[in-house]
Protein backbone atom coordinates (compact mmCIF):
# COMPACT_ATOMS: atom_id res chain seq x y z
CA MET A 1 -31.42 -27.08 2.75
CA ASN A 2 -28.72 -28.07 0.24
CA ARG A 3 -29.56 -25.07 -1.91
CA LEU A 4 -29.23 -22.70 1.06
CA LEU A 5 -25.90 -24.27 1.99
CA SER A 6 -24.62 -23.81 -1.56
CA ILE A 7 -25.68 -20.15 -1.53
CA LEU A 8 -23.92 -19.61 1.82
CA VAL A 9 -20.71 -21.27 0.63
CA ASN A 10 -20.58 -19.22 -2.57
CA LEU A 11 -21.30 -15.96 -0.74
CA CYS A 12 -18.44 -16.74 1.67
CA ARG A 13 -16.23 -17.61 -1.28
CA LEU A 14 -17.01 -14.28 -2.96
CA CYS A 15 -16.27 -12.23 0.19
CA VAL A 16 -12.98 -13.97 0.92
CA ALA A 17 -11.85 -13.92 -2.73
CA VAL A 18 -12.53 -10.20 -3.24
CA THR A 19 -10.78 -9.33 0.03
CA LEU A 20 -7.69 -11.37 -0.87
CA ILE A 21 -7.56 -9.95 -4.39
CA LEU A 22 -7.75 -6.35 -3.18
CA SER A 23 -5.34 -6.94 -0.31
CA GLY A 24 -2.85 -8.74 -2.51
CA TYR A 25 -3.01 -6.25 -5.37
CA VAL A 26 -2.49 -3.07 -3.31
CA LYS A 27 0.54 -4.78 -1.76
CA ALA A 28 1.80 -5.97 -5.15
CA ILE A 29 1.82 -2.48 -6.68
CA ASP A 30 3.67 -1.05 -3.67
CA PRO A 31 6.30 -3.70 -2.86
CA LEU A 32 8.57 -1.25 -1.05
CA GLY A 33 5.70 -0.10 1.17
CA THR A 34 4.94 -3.73 2.02
CA GLN A 35 8.64 -4.29 2.71
CA TYR A 36 8.67 -1.35 5.15
CA LYS A 37 5.67 -2.84 6.97
CA ILE A 38 7.36 -6.26 7.21
CA GLN A 39 10.43 -4.53 8.65
CA ASP A 40 8.19 -2.82 11.22
CA TYR A 41 6.91 -6.24 12.30
CA LEU A 42 10.45 -7.59 12.59
CA SER A 43 11.59 -4.54 14.54
CA ALA A 44 8.69 -4.98 16.96
CA LEU A 45 9.93 -8.54 17.54
CA SER A 46 13.57 -7.36 17.79
CA LEU A 47 14.44 -9.48 14.74
CA GLY A 48 15.12 -6.76 12.17
CA GLN A 49 18.90 -7.14 12.26
CA TYR A 50 18.69 -10.78 11.19
CA PHE A 51 16.90 -10.13 7.90
CA PRO A 52 18.67 -8.22 5.07
CA ASP A 53 16.74 -5.92 2.77
CA TRP A 54 16.65 -8.41 -0.11
CA SER A 55 14.90 -10.99 2.07
CA THR A 56 12.18 -8.61 3.28
CA LEU A 57 11.65 -7.33 -0.27
CA GLY A 58 11.36 -10.91 -1.53
CA ALA A 59 8.90 -11.69 1.25
CA SER A 60 6.90 -8.61 0.25
CA VAL A 61 6.57 -9.75 -3.37
CA LEU A 62 5.78 -13.35 -2.43
CA LEU A 63 3.18 -12.41 0.19
CA SER A 64 1.31 -10.11 -2.19
CA ALA A 65 1.46 -12.72 -4.97
CA LEU A 66 0.19 -15.43 -2.61
CA GLU A 67 -2.81 -13.38 -1.47
CA PHE A 68 -3.70 -12.22 -4.99
CA CYS A 69 -3.38 -15.67 -6.56
CA LEU A 70 -5.36 -17.41 -3.80
CA GLY A 71 -8.10 -14.80 -4.22
CA VAL A 72 -8.32 -15.33 -7.98
CA PHE A 73 -8.17 -19.12 -7.65
CA LEU A 74 -10.94 -19.01 -5.05
CA LEU A 75 -13.03 -16.76 -7.26
CA PHE A 76 -12.72 -19.19 -10.18
CA ALA A 77 -13.02 -22.26 -7.90
CA ILE A 78 -9.72 -23.66 -9.12
CA HIS A 79 -8.42 -26.71 -7.19
CA ARG A 80 -11.18 -26.16 -4.69
CA ARG A 81 -10.01 -28.55 -1.97
CA GLN A 82 -6.36 -27.45 -1.93
CA VAL A 83 -7.03 -23.72 -2.31
CA SER A 84 -9.71 -23.63 0.42
CA LYS A 85 -7.27 -25.33 2.83
CA LEU A 86 -4.48 -22.88 1.96
CA VAL A 87 -6.85 -19.94 2.46
CA PHE A 88 -7.91 -21.30 5.86
CA VAL A 89 -4.27 -21.68 6.97
CA LEU A 90 -3.44 -18.17 5.71
CA MET A 91 -6.40 -16.64 7.53
CA ALA A 92 -5.57 -18.56 10.72
CA VAL A 93 -2.04 -17.11 10.68
CA MET A 94 -3.30 -13.60 9.85
CA THR A 95 -5.91 -13.79 12.63
CA ALA A 96 -3.27 -14.81 15.17
CA ILE A 97 -1.02 -11.92 14.09
CA SER A 98 -3.89 -9.42 14.23
CA ALA A 99 -4.82 -10.67 17.72
CA TRP A 100 -1.26 -9.95 18.83
CA LEU A 101 -1.45 -6.47 17.25
CA TRP A 102 -4.76 -5.77 18.98
CA ILE A 103 -3.53 -6.87 22.41
CA ALA A 104 0.09 -5.64 22.39
CA ASN A 105 -0.27 -2.76 19.86
CA PRO A 106 3.40 -2.89 18.72
CA ILE A 107 2.58 -1.01 15.49
CA SER A 108 -0.29 1.33 14.67
CA ASP A 109 -1.82 -0.62 11.76
CA CYS A 110 -1.32 -4.00 10.14
CA GLY A 111 -0.90 -2.76 6.57
CA CYS A 112 -3.21 -5.45 5.20
CA PHE A 113 -4.55 -3.05 2.56
CA GLY A 114 -1.39 -1.00 2.24
CA ASP A 115 -2.08 2.74 2.23
CA ALA A 116 -5.34 2.30 0.32
CA LEU A 117 -7.36 1.55 3.45
CA VAL A 118 -5.91 1.98 6.93
CA LEU A 119 -7.68 -0.02 9.64
CA THR A 120 -7.14 0.07 13.37
CA ASN A 121 -5.76 -3.07 14.98
CA GLY A 122 -9.16 -3.79 16.48
CA GLN A 123 -10.89 -3.46 13.11
CA THR A 124 -8.28 -5.70 11.50
CA PHE A 125 -8.79 -8.41 14.12
CA ALA A 126 -12.58 -8.29 13.69
CA LYS A 127 -12.22 -8.50 9.90
CA ASN A 128 -9.89 -11.48 10.12
CA VAL A 129 -12.16 -13.33 12.55
CA VAL A 130 -15.04 -13.01 10.08
CA LEU A 131 -12.87 -14.10 7.14
CA LEU A 132 -11.52 -17.01 9.17
CA ALA A 133 -15.09 -18.17 9.82
CA PHE A 134 -15.90 -17.83 6.11
CA SER A 135 -12.76 -19.76 5.11
CA ALA A 136 -13.68 -22.51 7.59
CA ILE A 137 -17.01 -22.90 5.79
CA LEU A 138 -15.20 -23.10 2.44
CA CYS A 139 -12.78 -25.66 3.85
CA ARG A 140 -15.70 -27.78 5.10
CA TRP A 141 -17.73 -27.75 1.85
CA PRO A 142 -15.26 -26.92 -0.96
CA LEU A 143 -17.10 -28.85 -3.67
CA ARG A 144 -20.18 -26.64 -3.30
CA MET A 145 -18.24 -23.77 -4.87
CA VAL A 146 -19.48 -23.33 -8.44
CA ARG A 147 -16.77 -23.54 -11.08
CA PHE A 148 -16.33 -20.59 -13.42
CA ILE A 149 -13.92 -22.44 -15.63
CA SER A 150 -13.38 -26.09 -16.54
CA ARG A 151 -10.49 -28.20 -15.27
CA THR A 152 -9.04 -28.32 -18.79
CA ASN A 153 -8.36 -24.57 -18.86
CA GLN A 154 -7.50 -23.95 -15.22
CA TRP A 155 -3.78 -23.92 -15.99
CA ILE A 156 -4.26 -20.80 -18.14
CA VAL A 157 -5.78 -18.82 -15.25
CA ILE A 158 -3.12 -20.07 -12.83
CA ASN A 159 -0.14 -19.10 -14.98
CA TYR A 160 -1.62 -15.85 -16.26
CA THR A 161 -2.52 -14.69 -12.73
CA LEU A 162 0.92 -15.49 -11.36
CA LEU A 163 2.64 -13.80 -14.30
CA PHE A 164 0.43 -10.70 -14.00
CA VAL A 165 1.01 -10.12 -10.28
CA ILE A 166 4.78 -10.74 -10.45
CA LEU A 167 5.20 -8.41 -13.43
CA SER A 168 3.06 -5.78 -11.67
CA SER A 169 5.41 -5.84 -8.66
CA ALA A 170 8.49 -5.76 -10.90
CA TYR A 171 7.17 -2.76 -12.86
CA CYS A 172 6.30 -0.84 -9.69
CA LEU A 173 9.73 -1.62 -8.24
CA TYR A 174 11.42 -0.30 -11.36
CA ASP A 175 9.26 2.81 -11.63
CA LEU A 176 6.77 3.88 -8.94
CA PRO A 177 3.54 2.36 -7.54
CA LEU A 178 0.80 2.32 -10.16
CA PHE A 179 -1.62 3.92 -7.69
CA ASP A 180 -0.40 6.34 -5.02
CA PHE A 181 -2.64 6.32 -1.93
CA ARG A 182 -0.28 8.36 0.23
CA PRO A 183 -0.82 12.05 1.15
CA TYR A 184 2.06 13.11 -1.13
CA HIS A 185 0.43 11.89 -4.36
CA VAL A 186 0.57 13.93 -7.57
CA GLY A 187 -1.85 16.84 -7.23
CA ALA A 188 -1.64 16.95 -3.42
CA ASP A 189 -1.23 20.31 -1.69
CA ILE A 190 1.28 19.63 1.08
CA ARG A 191 0.46 22.82 2.95
CA ALA A 192 -3.27 22.02 2.93
CA GLY A 193 -2.50 18.49 4.10
CA MET A 194 -0.76 19.88 7.18
CA GLU A 195 -3.66 22.09 8.28
CA VAL A 196 -6.01 21.24 11.13
CA PRO A 197 -9.61 22.44 10.55
CA ASP A 198 -11.10 24.69 13.21
CA SER A 199 -13.95 22.22 13.72
CA ALA A 200 -11.61 19.24 14.11
CA GLU A 201 -11.71 17.18 17.28
CA GLN A 202 -9.00 18.24 19.69
CA PRO A 203 -6.94 15.81 21.78
CA LYS A 204 -8.38 15.09 25.20
CA PHE A 205 -6.48 14.71 28.46
CA ASP A 206 -7.37 13.49 31.93
CA THR A 207 -5.57 15.09 34.84
CA THR A 208 -5.53 13.66 38.35
CA PHE A 209 -4.15 15.41 41.41
CA ILE A 210 -2.35 13.74 44.30
CA LEU A 211 -3.06 15.46 47.61
CA GLU A 212 -2.28 14.67 51.23
CA LYS A 213 -4.07 15.28 54.54
CA ASP A 214 -3.19 13.90 57.98
CA GLY A 215 -0.69 11.51 56.43
CA GLU A 216 -3.22 10.11 53.90
CA ARG A 217 -2.64 10.49 50.17
CA ARG A 218 -5.46 10.33 47.66
CA GLU A 219 -6.05 11.08 43.98
CA PHE A 220 -8.68 13.60 42.87
CA THR A 221 -9.99 14.94 39.57
CA LEU A 222 -11.12 18.49 38.86
CA ALA A 223 -14.70 17.38 39.47
CA ASP A 224 -14.06 16.27 43.07
CA TYR A 225 -11.12 18.52 43.98
CA PRO A 226 -11.17 18.92 47.82
CA ASP A 227 -10.94 21.99 50.00
CA SER A 228 -7.79 23.84 51.03
CA THR A 229 -7.14 21.58 54.01
CA TRP A 230 -5.52 19.11 51.60
CA THR A 231 -1.88 19.68 50.57
CA PHE A 232 -0.95 19.38 46.90
CA ILE A 233 1.75 16.75 46.23
CA ASP A 234 1.76 16.00 42.49
CA SER A 235 -0.39 15.71 39.35
CA LYS A 236 -0.63 13.25 36.44
CA THR A 237 -1.92 14.00 32.94
CA VAL A 238 -2.82 11.19 30.53
CA GLN A 239 -3.96 11.60 26.92
CA VAL A 240 -7.22 9.65 26.50
CA SER A 241 -8.07 10.73 22.93
CA GLU A 242 -5.68 11.60 20.12
CA GLY A 243 -8.07 13.90 18.32
CA TYR A 244 -7.75 14.87 14.64
CA VAL A 245 -4.39 14.12 13.04
CA PRO A 246 -3.83 15.82 9.65
CA PRO A 247 -2.77 13.57 6.73
CA ILE A 248 0.65 15.28 6.69
CA HIS A 249 1.87 15.85 10.23
CA ASP A 250 5.58 15.09 10.18
CA PHE A 251 6.92 17.03 7.18
CA SER A 252 9.77 19.42 7.91
CA ILE A 253 12.94 20.53 6.13
CA THR A 254 16.05 21.59 8.05
CA ARG A 255 18.99 23.01 6.16
CA MET A 256 22.21 21.10 6.88
CA ASP A 257 24.58 24.09 6.77
CA ASP A 258 23.00 26.23 9.49
CA GLY A 259 20.22 24.06 10.98
CA GLU A 260 17.49 26.50 9.88
CA ASP A 261 13.96 25.21 9.31
CA ILE A 262 13.06 26.13 5.72
CA THR A 263 9.78 24.20 5.46
CA ASP A 264 7.69 27.34 4.98
CA GLU A 265 10.20 28.79 2.55
CA VAL A 266 9.96 25.71 0.31
CA LEU A 267 6.19 25.26 0.50
CA ASP A 268 5.38 28.96 0.08
CA ALA A 269 7.71 29.48 -2.87
CA PRO A 270 5.49 30.70 -5.76
CA GLY A 271 7.54 28.99 -8.45
CA TYR A 272 8.85 25.49 -9.08
CA THR A 273 10.99 23.53 -6.63
CA PHE A 274 12.70 20.17 -7.13
CA LEU A 275 13.18 17.90 -4.14
CA LEU A 276 15.64 15.02 -4.51
CA ILE A 277 14.46 12.45 -1.95
CA SER A 278 16.85 9.93 -0.40
CA PRO A 279 16.02 8.34 2.98
CA SER A 280 19.55 6.89 3.12
CA LEU A 281 22.27 8.14 0.79
CA GLU A 282 24.50 5.18 1.67
CA ARG A 283 21.93 2.89 0.01
CA ALA A 284 20.92 5.24 -2.81
CA ASP A 285 21.43 4.32 -6.45
CA ASP A 286 24.12 6.63 -7.87
CA GLY A 287 23.86 5.45 -11.47
CA ASN A 288 22.03 8.55 -12.74
CA PHE A 289 23.83 11.33 -10.89
CA GLY A 290 24.70 12.93 -14.24
CA LYS A 291 21.01 13.57 -14.97
CA ILE A 292 20.54 14.98 -11.46
CA ASP A 293 23.48 17.39 -11.84
CA GLN A 294 22.23 18.48 -15.26
CA LEU A 295 18.79 19.18 -13.85
CA TYR A 296 20.32 21.15 -10.97
CA GLU A 297 22.24 23.34 -13.43
CA TYR A 298 18.99 23.96 -15.32
CA CYS A 299 17.32 25.04 -12.04
CA VAL A 300 20.21 27.40 -11.21
CA ASP A 301 19.94 29.03 -14.66
CA HIS A 302 16.18 29.58 -14.28
CA GLY A 303 16.03 30.39 -10.57
CA TYR A 304 14.14 27.26 -9.49
CA GLY A 305 14.72 25.75 -6.07
CA PHE A 306 16.55 22.44 -5.79
CA TYR A 307 17.17 20.61 -2.51
CA CYS A 308 18.22 17.11 -1.54
CA LEU A 309 16.24 15.83 1.44
CA THR A 310 17.81 12.99 3.38
CA ALA A 311 17.88 11.35 6.79
CA SER A 312 21.57 10.43 6.43
CA GLY A 313 24.30 12.03 8.52
CA GLU A 314 26.95 14.51 7.42
CA HIS A 315 29.50 11.76 6.76
CA GLU A 316 27.19 10.03 4.26
CA ILE A 317 26.36 13.38 2.65
CA GLU A 318 30.06 14.18 2.14
CA ARG A 319 30.60 10.72 0.69
CA TRP A 320 27.72 11.33 -1.78
CA ARG A 321 29.23 14.68 -2.75
CA ASP A 322 32.62 13.10 -3.40
CA LEU A 323 31.04 10.29 -5.38
CA THR A 324 28.70 12.36 -7.57
CA GLY A 325 30.15 15.87 -7.49
CA ALA A 326 26.84 17.18 -6.13
CA GLU A 327 26.69 20.97 -5.61
CA TYR A 328 23.02 21.23 -4.63
CA PRO A 329 22.12 22.02 -0.98
CA PHE A 330 21.32 19.18 1.44
CA CYS A 331 18.59 19.23 4.07
CA PHE A 332 17.48 16.89 6.82
CA THR A 333 14.00 15.31 6.91
CA ASP A 334 12.65 12.36 8.87
CA GLY A 335 13.47 9.05 7.17
CA THR A 336 9.98 7.58 7.54
CA THR A 337 8.51 10.72 5.98
CA LEU A 338 10.89 10.44 3.02
CA LYS A 339 9.93 6.78 2.48
CA THR A 340 6.30 7.86 2.50
CA ILE A 341 6.83 10.68 0.02
CA ILE A 342 8.24 8.48 -2.75
CA ARG A 343 9.05 4.78 -3.15
CA SER A 344 12.48 5.28 -4.68
CA ASN A 345 15.98 5.93 -3.36
CA PRO A 346 16.69 8.42 -4.70
CA GLY A 347 13.44 9.78 -6.08
CA LEU A 348 12.59 13.17 -7.50
CA LEU A 349 9.64 15.39 -6.61
CA LEU A 350 8.53 18.56 -8.41
CA LEU A 351 6.52 21.13 -6.46
CA HIS A 352 4.74 24.24 -7.65
CA ALA A 353 3.58 26.53 -4.86
CA GLY A 354 3.57 23.54 -2.48
CA VAL A 355 1.54 21.29 -4.82
CA VAL A 356 3.04 18.02 -6.07
CA VAL A 357 3.28 18.25 -9.87
CA ARG A 358 5.35 15.21 -10.75
CA LYS A 359 7.24 12.28 -9.21
CA TRP A 360 10.04 10.22 -10.77
CA SER A 361 12.01 7.17 -9.67
CA HIS A 362 15.78 7.08 -10.17
CA HIS A 363 15.20 4.74 -13.14
CA ASN A 364 13.06 7.33 -14.93
CA LEU A 365 14.56 10.74 -14.15
CA PRO A 366 13.59 13.63 -16.45
CA THR A 367 16.07 15.23 -18.83
CA VAL A 368 16.23 18.69 -20.34
CA GLU A 369 17.62 18.53 -23.86
CA ALA A 370 20.24 21.04 -25.05
CA ASP A 371 17.74 22.84 -27.29
CA GLN A 372 15.38 23.20 -24.28
CA ALA A 373 17.92 24.68 -21.88
CA ASP A 374 16.47 28.19 -22.26
CA THR A 375 12.82 27.07 -22.12
CA PRO A 376 10.93 27.69 -18.84
CA ILE A 377 9.80 24.52 -17.13
CA GLU A 378 6.10 25.40 -17.41
CA GLN A 379 6.49 25.06 -21.19
CA LEU A 380 8.09 21.62 -20.92
CA GLU A 381 6.34 18.30 -20.47
CA ILE A 382 8.09 17.66 -17.15
CA GLY A 383 6.46 20.77 -15.72
CA GLN A 384 2.92 19.57 -16.45
CA MET A 385 0.64 17.26 -14.48
CA PRO A 386 0.77 13.73 -15.98
CA ILE A 387 -2.21 12.69 -18.10
CA ASP A 388 -2.09 9.08 -16.86
CA THR A 389 -4.99 9.49 -14.46
CA ALA A 390 -6.53 6.87 -12.14
CA PRO A 391 -9.37 5.99 -14.58
CA ARG A 392 -6.83 5.39 -17.36
CA LYS A 393 -4.80 3.13 -15.06
CA ILE A 394 -7.90 1.17 -14.05
CA LEU A 395 -8.75 0.79 -17.74
CA LYS A 396 -5.27 -0.63 -18.38
CA ILE A 397 -5.80 -3.22 -15.63
CA MET A 398 -9.15 -4.12 -17.16
CA VAL A 399 -7.54 -4.55 -20.58
CA TRP A 400 -4.52 -6.52 -19.39
CA PHE A 401 -6.06 -8.75 -16.71
CA VAL A 402 -9.82 -8.62 -16.24
CA LEU A 403 -10.79 -8.62 -19.92
CA PRO A 404 -8.60 -11.60 -20.96
CA LEU A 405 -9.84 -13.73 -18.04
CA THR A 406 -13.43 -12.70 -18.75
CA ALA A 407 -13.02 -13.64 -22.41
CA LEU A 408 -11.44 -16.95 -21.41
CA THR A 409 -14.31 -17.68 -19.00
CA ILE A 410 -16.96 -16.92 -21.64
CA ALA A 411 -15.15 -19.05 -24.23
CA ASP A 412 -14.74 -21.86 -21.73
CA ARG A 413 -18.41 -21.79 -20.74
CA LEU A 414 -19.48 -21.73 -24.41
CA TRP A 415 -17.19 -24.68 -25.10
CA ALA A 416 -18.62 -26.55 -22.08
CA TRP A 417 -22.16 -25.75 -23.26
CA THR A 418 -21.48 -27.05 -26.78
CA GLN A 419 -20.00 -30.23 -25.30
CA TRP A 420 -23.12 -30.64 -23.17
CA VAL A 421 -25.35 -30.11 -26.22
CA ARG A 422 -23.39 -32.70 -28.18
CA ARG A 423 -23.60 -35.23 -25.36
CA LYS A 424 -27.29 -34.54 -25.01
CA GLY A 425 -27.77 -34.95 -28.78
CA ARG A 426 -25.91 -38.25 -28.82
CA LYS A 427 -27.94 -39.47 -25.86
CA ILE A 428 -31.22 -38.51 -27.53
CA LYS A 429 -30.08 -40.12 -30.78
CA LYS A 430 -29.13 -43.31 -28.98
CA MET A 431 -32.46 -43.40 -27.17
CA GLY A 432 -34.21 -43.00 -30.52
CA LYS A 433 -32.27 -45.93 -32.02
CA ASP A 434 -33.01 -48.14 -29.00
CA LYS A 435 -36.70 -47.29 -29.21
CA LYS A 436 -36.73 -48.09 -32.94
CA LYS A 437 -35.14 -51.49 -32.30
CA GLU A 438 -37.74 -52.29 -29.64
CA THR A 439 -40.54 -51.37 -32.12
CA ILE A 440 -39.10 -53.62 -34.83
CA GLN A 441 -38.82 -56.53 -32.41
């Protein structure tokens, strides 16, 4: 019975730990995305105006670090009593929030796995109920979790894990998320992402008709529609099924000068097009406007398209022009869409025939050197797909985090084994001496 209980506890520990690690890490590498989700929660509670951006961004980093660290600590069985209690409290809070989401449906998804895995509110609640039950088991029998590392070396795992997750968030804030799970990732065809397949499920609607006869009003459907003796009064149509929604369903570009929709013009252009993305110009970083203007001049010389997409009004656009001397055309696009396209304000996107070739944050904007001014962009590095693919990024994580902790665990277990062998040897030696004394006596 004890053996079965130990197996159950360690299986629960593994499930909860892996979930927390994945959930925390995908949030950590997209701190702005997590911040946007926190702001959605606050807006649903009518509290958004009380929390400045720096506080929600700080909460984003801390929440992701908390989940990731608790997952790693649980996996290594570090401070088993305290960590299991913290995990139980965290899961109790998350379960309560997901219950509210499931019942009230204030936002479409909880964002627990960022954009990597989108769950419905019902699926999130079910997941959290299961994890809450698992964490309750861990909280009840914490000492049955098998240690992977000795108490002596636990401080190394604690500090290294915290340092790793904080630096990961800082790097992704400075540049861009290490992994891009959104539909506008490098290599994505925006036009293809907007298409609805012919075989896709269509939205479904239920229509009821209100009719009257001899002063009596009743509701009918098409299936039981009555004869002509009834007088039509009104009808109601309700959508009962959303149907297929394409990954990109809210992308449009409207030119500021004349209000013309140029979405097709931009996506169908056979050459290269730069899109400067700024959800709000009043909050955009203007420190690198010189590089942006230089790049625009290069595009004008070579006939490449260059547009600034923003959700700001004309007053903010004029202020940006006065501040930076911008001569490139401005267009309007939905602010939420712009935040989804790139996690930077401003950020830069390079398209080729509607396909995303490159993305840059405002900290890492590309430059065209003087001796490259006459070189077509397809012959420059900035016009090529980046070679830093997903497998290479995963390998970097393995090298910088998984491998060091694995090496530490192996070394720790070898050290513990040698200590056990020494203790065993001393014990055997002592028993031999005691036996020899008894023989002599």
